[in-house]
Amino acid sequence: MPRKYIILLAVTLGVIVLDQWTKYLVVRELTTQMEGKESLGERLASMYSEPPPKGFTGMHYQPRRHIEISESFFRIRYLENPGAAWGMFRSMPPEARVPLFHVAIIGALILITFSFRKLTGTDPEEKWALWGLPLVLGGALGNYIDRVARAFVIDFLEVHWFDKATFPSFNVADAAICIGVGMLIIDSFVRKEKPAQAPTQA
């Protein structure tokens, strides 16, 4: 298998596993959802096989505590986001929002696959795209798993400034997407199409 596809699989799967594992820990430790469930199978079933009933509003999993990492700047708190990144489209009716997310993930998969196949995997100038595309793909699939399983995404990383200004809550998948997009922006400056050289005349 070519090196570039090993990187694609390793980074994509790594992001998905880390994202879902941290969300599992957050649900287990910060909500009441897994209380009384002794086995791992029961806990996973409570997290992945109990979507909110149709028309449900409010919190599906009930928070019971949060963790203050820095009282003035950072905390870990369970939140549910039925919308896209930073809560976009959360007020849109589910009948329109869910198909929109399906179309978006299919479009992202096609675009990432097309862009990744064009990489040689051997050019040092491709390193930003070589690692950035799998990060975006892993993050997109991590959040998509949430939407398929329970119709909302679990967020838990909350950055704030003395609670006066708060950055939208996010998760590992969101962080991977942002880092990946940043690397792709760098790639757009570092790696440019080289102009075709005019044939030399004898």
C-alpha atoms as a PDB file:
ATOM      1  CA  MET A   1       0.000   0.000   0.000  1.00  0.00           C
ATOM      2  CA  PRO A   2       1.402   3.450  -0.911  1.00  0.00           C
ATOM      3  CA  ARG A   3       2.642   5.525   2.030  1.00  0.00           C
ATOM      4  CA  LYS A   4       0.073   8.260   1.479  1.00  0.00           C
ATOM      5  CA  TYR A   5      -2.830   5.855   1.985  1.00  0.00           C
ATOM      6  CA  ILE A   6      -1.265   4.503   5.171  1.00  0.00           C
ATOM      7  CA  ILE A   7      -1.164   8.097   6.455  1.00  0.00           C
ATOM      8  CA  LEU A   8      -4.771   8.639   5.350  1.00  0.00           C
ATOM      9  CA  LEU A   9      -6.046   5.552   7.190  1.00  0.00           C
ATOM     10  CA  ALA A  10      -3.917   6.046  10.304  1.00  0.00           C
ATOM     11  CA  VAL A  11      -4.756   9.723  10.818  1.00  0.00           C
ATOM     12  CA  THR A  12      -8.447   9.406   9.911  1.00  0.00           C
ATOM     13  CA  LEU A  13      -9.041   6.388  12.156  1.00  0.00           C
ATOM     14  CA  GLY A  14      -6.902   7.912  14.913  1.00  0.00           C
ATOM     15  CA  VAL A  15      -9.013  11.074  14.974  1.00  0.00           C
ATOM     16  CA  ILE A  16     -12.286   9.096  14.950  1.00  0.00           C
ATOM     17  CA  VAL A  17     -11.194   6.805  17.799  1.00  0.00           C
ATOM     18  CA  LEU A  18      -9.867   9.679  19.932  1.00  0.00           C
ATOM     19  CA  ASP A  19     -12.996  11.736  19.269  1.00  0.00           C
ATOM     20  CA  GLN A  20     -15.445   8.972  20.159  1.00  0.00           C
ATOM     21  CA  TRP A  21     -13.411   7.841  23.169  1.00  0.00           C
ATOM     22  CA  THR A  22     -13.332  11.348  24.681  1.00  0.00           C
ATOM     23  CA  LYS A  23     -17.075  11.738  24.088  1.00  0.00           C
ATOM     24  CA  TYR A  24     -17.686   8.396  25.805  1.00  0.00           C
ATOM     25  CA  LEU A  25     -15.657   9.552  28.821  1.00  0.00           C
ATOM     26  CA  VAL A  26     -17.554  12.840  28.965  1.00  0.00           C
ATOM     27  CA  VAL A  27     -20.949  11.109  28.852  1.00  0.00           C
ATOM     28  CA  ARG A  28     -19.844   8.579  31.482  1.00  0.00           C
ATOM     29  CA  GLU A  29     -18.294  11.065  33.892  1.00  0.00           C
ATOM     30  CA  LEU A  30     -20.337  14.243  33.417  1.00  0.00           C
ATOM     31  CA  THR A  31     -23.909  13.032  32.754  1.00  0.00           C
ATOM     32  CA  THR A  32     -26.404  10.646  34.335  1.00  0.00           C
ATOM     33  CA  GLN A  33     -26.802   8.627  31.123  1.00  0.00           C
ATOM     34  CA  MET A  34     -24.639   5.668  32.170  1.00  0.00           C
ATOM     35  CA  GLU A  35     -25.581   5.497  35.841  1.00  0.00           C
ATOM     36  CA  GLY A  36     -26.498   1.960  36.877  1.00  0.00           C
ATOM     37  CA  LYS A  37     -25.014   0.436  33.721  1.00  0.00           C
ATOM     38  CA  GLU A  38     -22.255  -1.924  34.791  1.00  0.00           C
ATOM     39  CA  SER A  39     -20.946  -3.424  31.550  1.00  0.00           C
ATOM     40  CA  LEU A  40     -19.204  -1.627  28.697  1.00  0.00           C
ATOM     41  CA  GLY A  41     -21.820  -2.978  26.288  1.00  0.00           C
ATOM     42  CA  GLU A  42     -24.664  -1.421  28.292  1.00  0.00           C
ATOM     43  CA  ARG A  43     -22.860   1.905  28.488  1.00  0.00           C
ATOM     44  CA  LEU A  44     -22.125   1.950  24.758  1.00  0.00           C
ATOM     45  CA  ALA A  45     -25.726   0.996  23.979  1.00  0.00           C
ATOM     46  CA  SER A  46     -26.980   3.875  26.100  1.00  0.00           C
ATOM     47  CA  MET A  47     -24.733   6.246  24.159  1.00  0.00           C
ATOM     48  CA  TYR A  48     -25.266   5.013  20.598  1.00  0.00           C
ATOM     49  CA  SER A  49     -28.702   3.402  20.424  1.00  0.00           C
ATOM     50  CA  GLU A  50     -30.989   5.855  22.197  1.00  0.00           C
ATOM     51  CA  PRO A  51     -31.669   8.822  19.892  1.00  0.00           C
ATOM     52  CA  PRO A  52     -33.947  11.607  21.119  1.00  0.00           C
ATOM     53  CA  PRO A  53     -37.657  11.082  20.389  1.00  0.00           C
ATOM     54  CA  LYS A  54     -39.055  13.030  17.474  1.00  0.00           C
ATOM     55  CA  GLY A  55     -39.823  16.610  18.413  1.00  0.00           C
ATOM     56  CA  PHE A  56     -37.702  16.449  21.568  1.00  0.00           C
ATOM     57  CA  THR A  57     -36.149  19.712  22.730  1.00  0.00           C
ATOM     58  CA  GLY A  58     -33.740  20.305  25.558  1.00  0.00           C
ATOM     59  CA  MET A  59     -30.893  18.134  26.832  1.00  0.00           C
ATOM     60  CA  HIS A  60     -31.134  14.452  25.917  1.00  0.00           C
ATOM     61  CA  TYR A  61     -28.445  13.408  28.415  1.00  0.00           C
ATOM     62  CA  GLN A  62     -28.732  15.186  31.765  1.00  0.00           C
ATOM     63  CA  PRO A  63     -25.496  16.843  33.005  1.00  0.00           C
ATOM     64  CA  ARG A  64     -24.559  16.244  36.638  1.00  0.00           C
ATOM     65  CA  ARG A  65     -21.265  18.129  36.953  1.00  0.00           C
ATOM     66  CA  HIS A  66     -18.509  19.860  35.020  1.00  0.00           C
ATOM     67  CA  ILE A  67     -14.747  20.108  35.471  1.00  0.00           C
ATOM     68  CA  GLU A  68     -13.012  23.449  35.952  1.00  0.00           C
ATOM     69  CA  ILE A  69      -9.532  23.258  34.456  1.00  0.00           C
ATOM     70  CA  SER A  70      -8.939  26.984  34.822  1.00  0.00           C
ATOM     71  CA  GLU A  71     -11.711  28.901  36.552  1.00  0.00           C
ATOM     72  CA  SER A  72     -11.057  31.990  34.473  1.00  0.00           C
ATOM     73  CA  PHE A  73     -10.318  30.434  31.095  1.00  0.00           C
ATOM     74  CA  PHE A  74     -11.181  26.773  30.466  1.00  0.00           C
ATOM     75  CA  ARG A  75     -13.616  24.063  31.578  1.00  0.00           C
ATOM     76  CA  ILE A  76     -14.899  20.682  30.446  1.00  0.00           C
ATOM     77  CA  ARG A  77     -18.697  20.738  30.335  1.00  0.00           C
ATOM     78  CA  TYR A  78     -21.144  18.448  28.567  1.00  0.00           C
ATOM     79  CA  LEU A  79     -23.192  20.154  25.848  1.00  0.00           C
ATOM     80  CA  GLU A  80     -25.348  18.996  22.942  1.00  0.00           C
ATOM     81  CA  ASN A  81     -25.208  20.622  19.515  1.00  0.00           C
ATOM     82  CA  PRO A  82     -27.888  19.608  16.990  1.00  0.00           C
ATOM     83  CA  GLY A  83     -26.447  22.052  14.458  1.00  0.00           C
ATOM     84  CA  ALA A  84     -23.187  22.336  12.565  1.00  0.00           C
ATOM     85  CA  ALA A  85     -19.914  23.809  13.820  1.00  0.00           C
ATOM     86  CA  TRP A  86     -20.407  26.550  16.427  1.00  0.00           C
ATOM     87  CA  GLY A  87     -24.138  25.836  16.523  1.00  0.00           C
ATOM     88  CA  MET A  88     -24.929  26.921  12.975  1.00  0.00           C
ATOM     89  CA  PHE A  89     -28.291  25.673  11.626  1.00  0.00           C
ATOM     90  CA  ARG A  90     -29.381  24.412  15.072  1.00  0.00           C
ATOM     91  CA  SER A  91     -32.676  26.299  14.745  1.00  0.00           C
ATOM     92  CA  MET A  92     -33.399  24.690  11.375  1.00  0.00           C
ATOM     93  CA  PRO A  93     -36.183  22.040  11.455  1.00  0.00           C
ATOM     94  CA  PRO A  94     -34.784  18.471  11.689  1.00  0.00           C
ATOM     95  CA  GLU A  95     -36.567  17.539   8.435  1.00  0.00           C
ATOM     96  CA  ALA A  96     -34.317  20.014   6.617  1.00  0.00           C
ATOM     97  CA  ARG A  97     -31.232  19.919   8.850  1.00  0.00           C
ATOM     98  CA  VAL A  98     -30.591  16.148   8.731  1.00  0.00           C
ATOM     99  CA  PRO A  99     -30.632  15.835   4.892  1.00  0.00           C
ATOM    100  CA  LEU A 100     -28.379  18.905   4.719  1.00  0.00           C
ATOM    101  CA  PHE A 101     -25.771  17.180   6.893  1.00  0.00           C
ATOM    102  CA  HIS A 102     -25.970  14.005   4.780  1.00  0.00           C
ATOM    103  CA  VAL A 103     -25.357  16.000   1.612  1.00  0.00           C
ATOM    104  CA  ALA A 104     -22.534  17.956   3.280  1.00  0.00           C
ATOM    105  CA  ILE A 105     -20.653  14.843   4.424  1.00  0.00           C
ATOM    106  CA  ILE A 106     -21.019  13.181   1.009  1.00  0.00           C
ATOM    107  CA  GLY A 107     -19.706  16.332  -0.654  1.00  0.00           C
ATOM    108  CA  ALA A 108     -16.801  16.521   1.797  1.00  0.00           C
ATOM    109  CA  LEU A 109     -15.896  12.881   1.180  1.00  0.00           C
ATOM    110  CA  ILE A 110     -15.874  13.376  -2.586  1.00  0.00           C
ATOM    111  CA  LEU A 111     -13.804  16.569  -2.368  1.00  0.00           C
ATOM    112  CA  ILE A 112     -11.266  15.125   0.090  1.00  0.00           C
ATOM    113  CA  THR A 113     -10.921  11.881  -1.890  1.00  0.00           C
ATOM    114  CA  PHE A 114     -10.428  13.775  -5.156  1.00  0.00           C
ATOM    115  CA  SER A 115      -7.833  16.106  -3.597  1.00  0.00           C
ATOM    116  CA  PHE A 116      -5.972  13.295  -1.831  1.00  0.00           C
ATOM    117  CA  ARG A 117      -5.721  11.119  -4.947  1.00  0.00           C
ATOM    118  CA  LYS A 118      -3.919  13.955  -6.726  1.00  0.00           C
ATOM    119  CA  LEU A 119      -1.104  13.880  -4.149  1.00  0.00           C
ATOM    120  CA  THR A 120       2.007  11.906  -5.031  1.00  0.00           C
ATOM    121  CA  GLY A 121       2.875  11.195  -1.402  1.00  0.00           C
ATOM    122  CA  THR A 122       6.575  11.726  -2.121  1.00  0.00           C
ATOM    123  CA  ASP A 123       6.835  15.483  -2.713  1.00  0.00           C
ATOM    124  CA  PRO A 124       7.966  17.253   0.510  1.00  0.00           C
ATOM    125  CA  GLU A 125       5.908  20.291  -0.472  1.00  0.00           C
ATOM    126  CA  GLU A 126       2.739  18.180  -0.143  1.00  0.00           C
ATOM    127  CA  LYS A 127       3.205  17.537   3.580  1.00  0.00           C
ATOM    128  CA  TRP A 128       0.605  20.105   4.672  1.00  0.00           C
ATOM    129  CA  ALA A 129      -2.103  18.602   2.454  1.00  0.00           C
ATOM    130  CA  LEU A 130      -0.934  15.034   3.127  1.00  0.00           C
ATOM    131  CA  TRP A 131      -1.680  15.430   6.837  1.00  0.00           C
ATOM    132  CA  GLY A 132      -4.335  18.153   6.679  1.00  0.00           C
ATOM    133  CA  LEU A 133      -6.821  16.268   4.488  1.00  0.00           C
ATOM    134  CA  PRO A 134      -6.976  13.186   6.765  1.00  0.00           C
ATOM    135  CA  LEU A 135      -7.469  15.441   9.807  1.00  0.00           C
ATOM    136  CA  VAL A 136     -10.459  17.101   8.159  1.00  0.00           C
ATOM    137  CA  LEU A 137     -11.836  13.728   7.058  1.00  0.00           C
ATOM    138  CA  GLY A 138     -11.461  12.166  10.514  1.00  0.00           C
ATOM    139  CA  GLY A 139     -13.095  15.151  12.194  1.00  0.00           C
ATOM    140  CA  ALA A 140     -15.991  15.210   9.754  1.00  0.00           C
ATOM    141  CA  LEU A 141     -16.636  11.481  10.195  1.00  0.00           C
ATOM    142  CA  GLY A 142     -16.330  11.721  13.977  1.00  0.00           C
ATOM    143  CA  ASN A 143     -19.105  14.285  14.191  1.00  0.00           C
ATOM    144  CA  TYR A 144     -21.141  12.463  11.543  1.00  0.00           C
ATOM    145  CA  ILE A 145     -21.162   9.342  13.725  1.00  0.00           C
ATOM    146  CA  ASP A 146     -22.767  11.449  16.462  1.00  0.00           C
ATOM    147  CA  ARG A 147     -25.436  12.777  14.123  1.00  0.00           C
ATOM    148  CA  VAL A 148     -26.318   9.325  12.804  1.00  0.00           C
ATOM    149  CA  ALA A 149     -26.390   7.782  16.291  1.00  0.00           C
ATOM    150  CA  ARG A 150     -28.298  10.453  18.192  1.00  0.00           C
ATOM    151  CA  ALA A 151     -29.074  13.456  15.940  1.00  0.00           C
ATOM    152  CA  PHE A 152     -26.752  15.790  17.855  1.00  0.00           C
ATOM    153  CA  VAL A 153     -23.026  16.263  18.398  1.00  0.00           C
ATOM    154  CA  ILE A 154     -21.431  16.097  21.831  1.00  0.00           C
ATOM    155  CA  ASP A 155     -19.298  19.145  22.643  1.00  0.00           C
ATOM    156  CA  PHE A 156     -17.353  19.562  25.868  1.00  0.00           C
ATOM    157  CA  LEU A 157     -14.337  21.860  25.494  1.00  0.00           C
ATOM    158  CA  GLU A 158     -15.253  25.363  26.637  1.00  0.00           C
ATOM    159  CA  VAL A 159     -12.805  28.257  26.395  1.00  0.00           C
ATOM    160  CA  HIS A 160     -13.878  31.524  28.011  1.00  0.00           C
ATOM    161  CA  TRP A 161     -12.559  34.773  29.400  1.00  0.00           C
ATOM    162  CA  PHE A 162     -13.777  35.131  32.994  1.00  0.00           C
ATOM    163  CA  ASP A 163     -17.195  34.007  31.695  1.00  0.00           C
ATOM    164  CA  LYS A 164     -17.582  37.394  30.003  1.00  0.00           C
ATOM    165  CA  ALA A 165     -16.609  36.149  26.544  1.00  0.00           C
ATOM    166  CA  THR A 166     -16.970  32.513  25.514  1.00  0.00           C
ATOM    167  CA  PHE A 167     -15.654  30.739  22.452  1.00  0.00           C
ATOM    168  CA  PRO A 168     -18.217  28.274  21.026  1.00  0.00           C
ATOM    169  CA  SER A 169     -17.841  24.874  22.689  1.00  0.00           C
ATOM    170  CA  PHE A 170     -16.111  22.228  20.591  1.00  0.00           C
ATOM    171  CA  ASN A 171     -14.744  18.678  20.658  1.00  0.00           C
ATOM    172  CA  VAL A 172     -11.786  16.672  19.342  1.00  0.00           C
ATOM    173  CA  ALA A 173     -13.372  16.309  15.889  1.00  0.00           C
ATOM    174  CA  ASP A 174     -13.865  20.085  15.622  1.00  0.00           C
ATOM    175  CA  ALA A 175     -10.254  20.672  16.677  1.00  0.00           C
ATOM    176  CA  ALA A 176      -9.007  18.205  14.044  1.00  0.00           C
ATOM    177  CA  ILE A 177     -11.072  19.941  11.351  1.00  0.00           C
ATOM    178  CA  CYS A 178      -9.744  23.383  12.322  1.00  0.00           C
ATOM    179  CA  ILE A 179      -6.126  22.182  12.416  1.00  0.00           C
ATOM    180  CA  GLY A 180      -6.593  20.373   9.102  1.00  0.00           C
ATOM    181  CA  VAL A 181      -8.129  23.405   7.410  1.00  0.00           C
ATOM    182  CA  GLY A 182      -5.286  25.556   8.746  1.00  0.00           C
ATOM    183  CA  MET A 183      -2.763  23.137   7.222  1.00  0.00           C
ATOM    184  CA  LEU A 184      -4.615  23.246   3.902  1.00  0.00           C
ATOM    185  CA  ILE A 185      -4.485  27.043   3.936  1.00  0.00           C
ATOM    186  CA  ILE A 186      -0.720  26.855   4.480  1.00  0.00           C
ATOM    187  CA  ASP A 187      -0.543  24.303   1.662  1.00  0.00           C
ATOM    188  CA  SER A 188      -2.272  26.722  -0.705  1.00  0.00           C
ATOM    189  CA  PHE A 189       0.602  29.166  -0.183  1.00  0.00           C
ATOM    190  CA  VAL A 190       3.472  26.676  -0.045  1.00  0.00           C
ATOM    191  CA  ARG A 191       2.502  24.420  -2.928  1.00  0.00           C
ATOM    192  CA  LYS A 192       1.517  26.246  -6.081  1.00  0.00           C
ATOM    193  CA  GLU A 193       1.039  25.043  -9.603  1.00  0.00           C
ATOM    194  CA  LYS A 194       4.286  25.376 -11.470  1.00  0.00           C
ATOM    195  CA  PRO A 195       3.880  27.081 -14.854  1.00  0.00           C
ATOM    196  CA  ALA A 196       4.492  24.854 -17.827  1.00  0.00           C
ATOM    197  CA  GLN A 197       7.849  25.496 -19.419  1.00  0.00           C
ATOM    198  CA  ALA A 198       7.877  26.430 -23.075  1.00  0.00           C
ATOM    199  CA  PRO A 199       9.601  23.814 -25.244  1.00  0.00           C
ATOM    200  CA  THR A 200      13.150  24.764 -26.101  1.00  0.00           C
ATOM    201  CA  GLN A 201      13.930  25.268 -29.750  1.00  0.00           C
ATOM    202  CA  ALA A 202      16.792  23.376 -31.307  1.00  0.00           C
END
